[in-house]
C-alpha atoms as a PDB file:
ATOM      1  CA  UNK A   1      97.756  95.384  81.603  1.00  0.00           C
ATOM      2  CA  UNK A   2      97.235  98.812  80.068  1.00  0.00           C
ATOM      3  CA  UNK A   3      93.479  98.340  79.849  1.00  0.00           C
ATOM      4  CA  UNK A   4      93.287  97.610  83.588  1.00  0.00           C
ATOM      5  CA  UNK A   5      95.136 100.819  84.400  1.00  0.00           C
ATOM      6  CA  UNK A   6      92.710 102.705  82.163  1.00  0.00           C
ATOM      7  CA  UNK A   7      89.727 101.081  83.880  1.00  0.00           C
ATOM      8  CA  UNK A   8      91.076 101.846  87.341  1.00  0.00           C
ATOM      9  CA  UNK A   9      92.075 105.468  86.787  1.00  0.00           C
ATOM     10  CA  UNK A  10      89.174 106.497  84.567  1.00  0.00           C
ATOM     11  CA  UNK A  11      86.389 103.957  85.094  1.00  0.00           C
ATOM     12  CA  UNK A  12      86.377 103.868  88.899  1.00  0.00           C
ATOM     13  CA  UNK A  13      86.150 107.661  89.387  1.00  0.00           C
ATOM     14  CA  UNK A  14      83.399 107.847  86.761  1.00  0.00           C
ATOM     15  CA  UNK A  15      81.459 105.110  88.573  1.00  0.00           C
ATOM     16  CA  UNK A  16      81.952 106.940  91.883  1.00  0.00           C
ATOM     17  CA  UNK A  17      80.664 110.202  90.403  1.00  0.00           C
ATOM     18  CA  UNK A  18      77.645 108.412  88.974  1.00  0.00           C
ATOM     19  CA  UNK A  19      76.909 106.774  92.331  1.00  0.00           C
ATOM     20  CA  UNK A  20      77.279 110.110  94.165  1.00  0.00           C
ATOM     21  CA  UNK A  21      74.793 111.727  91.803  1.00  0.00           C
ATOM     22  CA  UNK A  22      72.285 108.857  92.009  1.00  0.00           C
ATOM     23  CA  UNK A  23      72.479 108.344  95.775  1.00  0.00           C
ATOM     24  CA  UNK A  24      72.704 112.088  96.485  1.00  0.00           C
ATOM     25  CA  UNK A  25      69.603 112.677  94.386  1.00  0.00           C
ATOM     26  CA  UNK A  26      67.769 109.937  96.257  1.00  0.00           C
ATOM     27  CA  UNK A  27      68.729 110.654  99.888  1.00  0.00           C
ATOM     28  CA  UNK A  28      70.087 114.202  99.654  1.00  0.00           C
ATOM     29  CA  UNK A  29      73.466 115.905  99.788  1.00  0.00           C
ATOM     30  CA  UNK A  30      73.994 115.977 103.558  1.00  0.00           C
ATOM     31  CA  UNK A  31      72.918 112.375 104.077  1.00  0.00           C
ATOM     32  CA  UNK A  32      75.311 111.288 101.333  1.00  0.00           C
ATOM     33  CA  UNK A  33      78.178 113.250 102.880  1.00  0.00           C
ATOM     34  CA  UNK A  34      77.378 111.834 106.329  1.00  0.00           C
ATOM     35  CA  UNK A  35      77.470 108.270 104.994  1.00  0.00           C
ATOM     36  CA  UNK A  36      80.871 108.885 103.365  1.00  0.00           C
ATOM     37  CA  UNK A  37      82.311 110.310 106.593  1.00  0.00           C
ATOM     38  CA  UNK A  38      80.828 107.566 108.791  1.00  0.00           C
ATOM     39  CA  UNK A  39      82.176 104.795 106.550  1.00  0.00           C
ATOM     40  CA  UNK A  40      85.649 106.356 106.747  1.00  0.00           C
ATOM     41  CA  UNK A  41      85.475 106.484 110.571  1.00  0.00           C
ATOM     42  CA  UNK A  42      84.137 102.931 110.910  1.00  0.00           C
ATOM     43  CA  UNK A  43      86.680 101.670 108.382  1.00  0.00           C
ATOM     44  CA  UNK A  44      89.674 103.213 110.134  1.00  0.00           C
ATOM     45  CA  UNK A  45      88.497 101.824 113.472  1.00  0.00           C
ATOM     46  CA  UNK A  46      88.144  98.307 112.058  1.00  0.00           C
ATOM     47  CA  UNK A  47      91.475  98.553 110.247  1.00  0.00           C
ATOM     48  CA  UNK A  48      93.254  99.622 113.420  1.00  0.00           C
ATOM     49  CA  UNK A  49      91.759  96.745 115.402  1.00  0.00           C
ATOM     50  CA  UNK A  50      92.437  94.114 112.739  1.00  0.00           C
ATOM     51  CA  UNK A  51      95.873  95.576 112.030  1.00  0.00           C
ATOM     52  CA  UNK A  52      96.923  95.245 115.671  1.00  0.00           C
ATOM     53  CA  UNK A  53      95.618  91.665 115.778  1.00  0.00           C
ATOM     54  CA  UNK A  54      97.518  90.829 112.593  1.00  0.00           C
ATOM     55  CA  UNK A  55     100.683  92.433 113.957  1.00  0.00           C
ATOM     56  CA  UNK A  56     100.404  90.382 117.167  1.00  0.00           C
ATOM     57  CA  UNK A  57      99.944  87.160 115.183  1.00  0.00           C
ATOM     58  CA  UNK A  58     102.937  88.052 112.989  1.00  0.00           C
ATOM     59  CA  UNK A  59     105.098  88.641 116.068  1.00  0.00           C
ATOM     60  CA  UNK A  60     104.027  85.263 117.475  1.00  0.00           C
ATOM     61  CA  UNK A  61     104.936  83.571 114.195  1.00  0.00           C
ATOM     62  CA  UNK A  62     108.351  85.260 114.170  1.00  0.00           C
ATOM     63  CA  UNK A  63     108.975  84.323 117.815  1.00  0.00           C
ATOM     64  CA  UNK A  64     108.222  80.696 116.979  1.00  0.00           C
ATOM     65  CA  UNK A  65     110.679  81.039 114.053  1.00  0.00           C
ATOM     66  CA  UNK A  66     108.088  80.700 111.297  1.00  0.00           C
ATOM     67  CA  UNK A  67     107.560  83.042 108.381  1.00  0.00           C
ATOM     68  CA  UNK A  68     104.392  85.133 108.902  1.00  0.00           C
ATOM     69  CA  UNK A  69     103.261  84.740 105.280  1.00  0.00           C
ATOM     70  CA  UNK A  70      99.521  84.761 106.011  1.00  0.00           C
ATOM     71  CA  UNK A  71      99.906  87.746 108.322  1.00  0.00           C
ATOM     72  CA  UNK A  72     101.912  89.679 105.715  1.00  0.00           C
ATOM     73  CA  UNK A  73      99.206  89.052 103.128  1.00  0.00           C
ATOM     74  CA  UNK A  74      96.531  90.185 105.581  1.00  0.00           C
ATOM     75  CA  UNK A  75      98.576  93.296 106.339  1.00  0.00           C
ATOM     76  CA  UNK A  76      98.753  94.141 102.636  1.00  0.00           C
ATOM     77  CA  UNK A  77      94.986  93.614 102.355  1.00  0.00           C
ATOM     78  CA  UNK A  78      94.430  95.938 105.324  1.00  0.00           C
ATOM     79  CA  UNK A  79      96.621  98.645 103.775  1.00  0.00           C
ATOM     80  CA  UNK A  80      94.686  98.423 100.511  1.00  0.00           C
ATOM     81  CA  UNK A  81      91.423  98.379 102.458  1.00  0.00           C
ATOM     82  CA  UNK A  82      92.446 101.519 104.337  1.00  0.00           C
ATOM     83  CA  UNK A  83      93.281 103.339 101.116  1.00  0.00           C
ATOM     84  CA  UNK A  84      89.933 102.326  99.616  1.00  0.00           C
ATOM     85  CA  UNK A  85      87.946 103.328 102.710  1.00  0.00           C
ATOM     86  CA  UNK A  86      89.627 106.715 102.965  1.00  0.00           C
ATOM     87  CA  UNK A  87      88.911 107.402  99.293  1.00  0.00           C
ATOM     88  CA  UNK A  88      85.519 109.094  99.113  1.00  0.00           C
ATOM     89  CA  UNK A  89      83.029 106.938  97.265  1.00  0.00           C
ATOM     90  CA  UNK A  90      80.597 104.094  97.577  1.00  0.00           C
ATOM     91  CA  UNK A  91      82.261 101.604  95.216  1.00  0.00           C
ATOM     92  CA  UNK A  92      85.642 101.968  96.919  1.00  0.00           C
ATOM     93  CA  UNK A  93      83.966 101.678 100.339  1.00  0.00           C
ATOM     94  CA  UNK A  94      82.318  98.393  99.365  1.00  0.00           C
ATOM     95  CA  UNK A  95      85.640  96.999  98.101  1.00  0.00           C
ATOM     96  CA  UNK A  96      87.435  98.262 101.223  1.00  0.00           C
ATOM     97  CA  UNK A  97      84.901  96.689 103.570  1.00  0.00           C
ATOM     98  CA  UNK A  98      85.098  93.407 101.636  1.00  0.00           C
ATOM     99  CA  UNK A  99      88.842  93.281 102.355  1.00  0.00           C
ATOM    100  CA  UNK A 100      88.040  93.641 106.075  1.00  0.00           C
ATOM    101  CA  UNK A 101      86.135  90.331 106.102  1.00  0.00           C
ATOM    102  CA  UNK A 102      88.638  87.596 107.109  1.00  0.00           C
ATOM    103  CA  UNK A 103      86.952  84.732 105.173  1.00  0.00           C
ATOM    104  CA  UNK A 104      87.004  86.824 101.986  1.00  0.00           C
ATOM    105  CA  UNK A 105      90.690  87.642 102.548  1.00  0.00           C
ATOM    106  CA  UNK A 106      91.352  83.915 102.969  1.00  0.00           C
ATOM    107  CA  UNK A 107      89.592  83.112  99.671  1.00  0.00           C
ATOM    108  CA  UNK A 108      91.482  85.915  97.918  1.00  0.00           C
ATOM    109  CA  UNK A 109      94.794  84.720  99.382  1.00  0.00           C
ATOM    110  CA  UNK A 110      94.105  81.138  98.283  1.00  0.00           C
ATOM    111  CA  UNK A 111      93.293  82.323  94.762  1.00  0.00           C
ATOM    112  CA  UNK A 112      96.457  84.454  94.559  1.00  0.00           C
ATOM    113  CA  UNK A 113      98.583  81.589  95.941  1.00  0.00           C
ATOM    114  CA  UNK A 114      97.195  79.184  93.311  1.00  0.00           C
ATOM    115  CA  UNK A 115      97.871  81.744  90.572  1.00  0.00           C
ATOM    116  CA  UNK A 116     101.474  82.167  91.734  1.00  0.00           C
ATOM    117  CA  UNK A 117     101.971  78.403  91.979  1.00  0.00           C
ATOM    118  CA  UNK A 118     100.602  77.871  88.477  1.00  0.00           C
ATOM    119  CA  UNK A 119     102.857  80.558  87.047  1.00  0.00           C
ATOM    120  CA  UNK A 120     105.447  79.167  84.648  1.00  0.00           C
ATOM    121  CA  UNK A 121     108.283  81.045  86.372  1.00  0.00           C
ATOM    122  CA  UNK A 122     107.803  79.847  89.953  1.00  0.00           C
ATOM    123  CA  UNK A 123     108.110  76.545  91.746  1.00  0.00           C
ATOM    124  CA  UNK A 124     107.407  75.932  95.418  1.00  0.00           C
ATOM    125  CA  UNK A 125     108.274  72.762  97.256  1.00  0.00           C
ATOM    126  CA  UNK A 126     106.974  72.398 100.789  1.00  0.00           C
ATOM    127  CA  UNK A 127     108.413  69.738 103.023  1.00  0.00           C
ATOM    128  CA  UNK A 128     107.111  68.354 106.278  1.00  0.00           C
ATOM    129  CA  UNK A 129     110.651  67.568 107.461  1.00  0.00           C
ATOM    130  CA  UNK A 130     111.662  69.109 110.721  1.00  0.00           C
ATOM    131  CA  UNK A 131     114.743  71.294 110.970  1.00  0.00           C
ATOM    132  CA  UNK A 132     116.861  69.398 113.467  1.00  0.00           C
ATOM    133  CA  UNK A 133     119.870  71.625 112.934  1.00  0.00           C
ATOM    134  CA  UNK A 134     118.608  74.705 114.749  1.00  0.00           C
ATOM    135  CA  UNK A 135     116.767  74.323 118.054  1.00  0.00           C
ATOM    136  CA  UNK A 136     114.406  71.607 116.742  1.00  0.00           C
ATOM    137  CA  UNK A 137     112.148  74.075 114.929  1.00  0.00           C
ATOM    138  CA  UNK A 138     108.850  72.564 113.865  1.00  0.00           C
ATOM    139  CA  UNK A 139     107.937  74.977 111.060  1.00  0.00           C
ATOM    140  CA  UNK A 140     107.763  74.034 107.386  1.00  0.00           C
ATOM    141  CA  UNK A 141     110.912  73.983 105.304  1.00  0.00           C
ATOM    142  CA  UNK A 142     110.825  75.685 101.941  1.00  0.00           C
ATOM    143  CA  UNK A 143     113.132  73.808  99.602  1.00  0.00           C
ATOM    144  CA  UNK A 144     114.647  76.107  96.985  1.00  0.00           C
ATOM    145  CA  UNK A 145     117.336  75.988  94.357  1.00  0.00           C
ATOM    146  CA  UNK A 146     119.873  78.761  93.960  1.00  0.00           C
ATOM    147  CA  UNK A 147     121.988  79.539  90.959  1.00  0.00           C
ATOM    148  CA  UNK A 148     125.082  81.714  91.204  1.00  0.00           C
ATOM    149  CA  UNK A 149     125.179  84.046  88.237  1.00  0.00           C
ATOM    150  CA  UNK A 150     128.505  85.682  87.534  1.00  0.00           C
ATOM    151  CA  UNK A 151     128.671  88.982  85.749  1.00  0.00           C
ATOM    152  CA  UNK A 152     130.236  89.264  82.319  1.00  0.00           C
ATOM    153  CA  UNK A 153     131.679  92.244  80.517  1.00  0.00           C
ATOM    154  CA  UNK A 154     130.917  93.243  76.912  1.00  0.00           C
ATOM    155  CA  UNK A 155     133.325  90.595  75.549  1.00  0.00           C
ATOM    156  CA  UNK A 156     131.762  87.733  77.535  1.00  0.00           C
ATOM    157  CA  UNK A 157     134.623  87.511  80.056  1.00  0.00           C
ATOM    158  CA  UNK A 158     133.735  86.766  83.662  1.00  0.00           C
ATOM    159  CA  UNK A 159     134.084  89.685  86.044  1.00  0.00           C
ATOM    160  CA  UNK A 160     134.612  89.175  89.794  1.00  0.00           C
END
């Protein structure tokens, strides 16, 4: 984990500086600055549009009494994309624009979901049963197990 933090906080800025020097030397200072500003403007416009669409879909999911899991993931991707697009640089702009492409977000979400499912500490059970107890909801039921853990003091006696 520590190596990834080192790569992100040292490697990414160094790559950005290198790209600024290379691209600035090739197309010039003002053209480079214009590209950085234009990508920020285009990125914020796309994020606003996609963010509003995602918010509307999330509200529809909530109104139909379903958890907006996909919409929440897309919202997180859009927040990260916005941070990357507002950070000056070409590498961060490419990563930010990639997160704005819905099929790429879907692939990323599928990969993350599989990683979470394969984790040794998690278990998800999806059921196609319908919840007949509350207004005949037709959404999926997530079956979970809960364990009540009581607190103990220093001597091992139960508290509460």
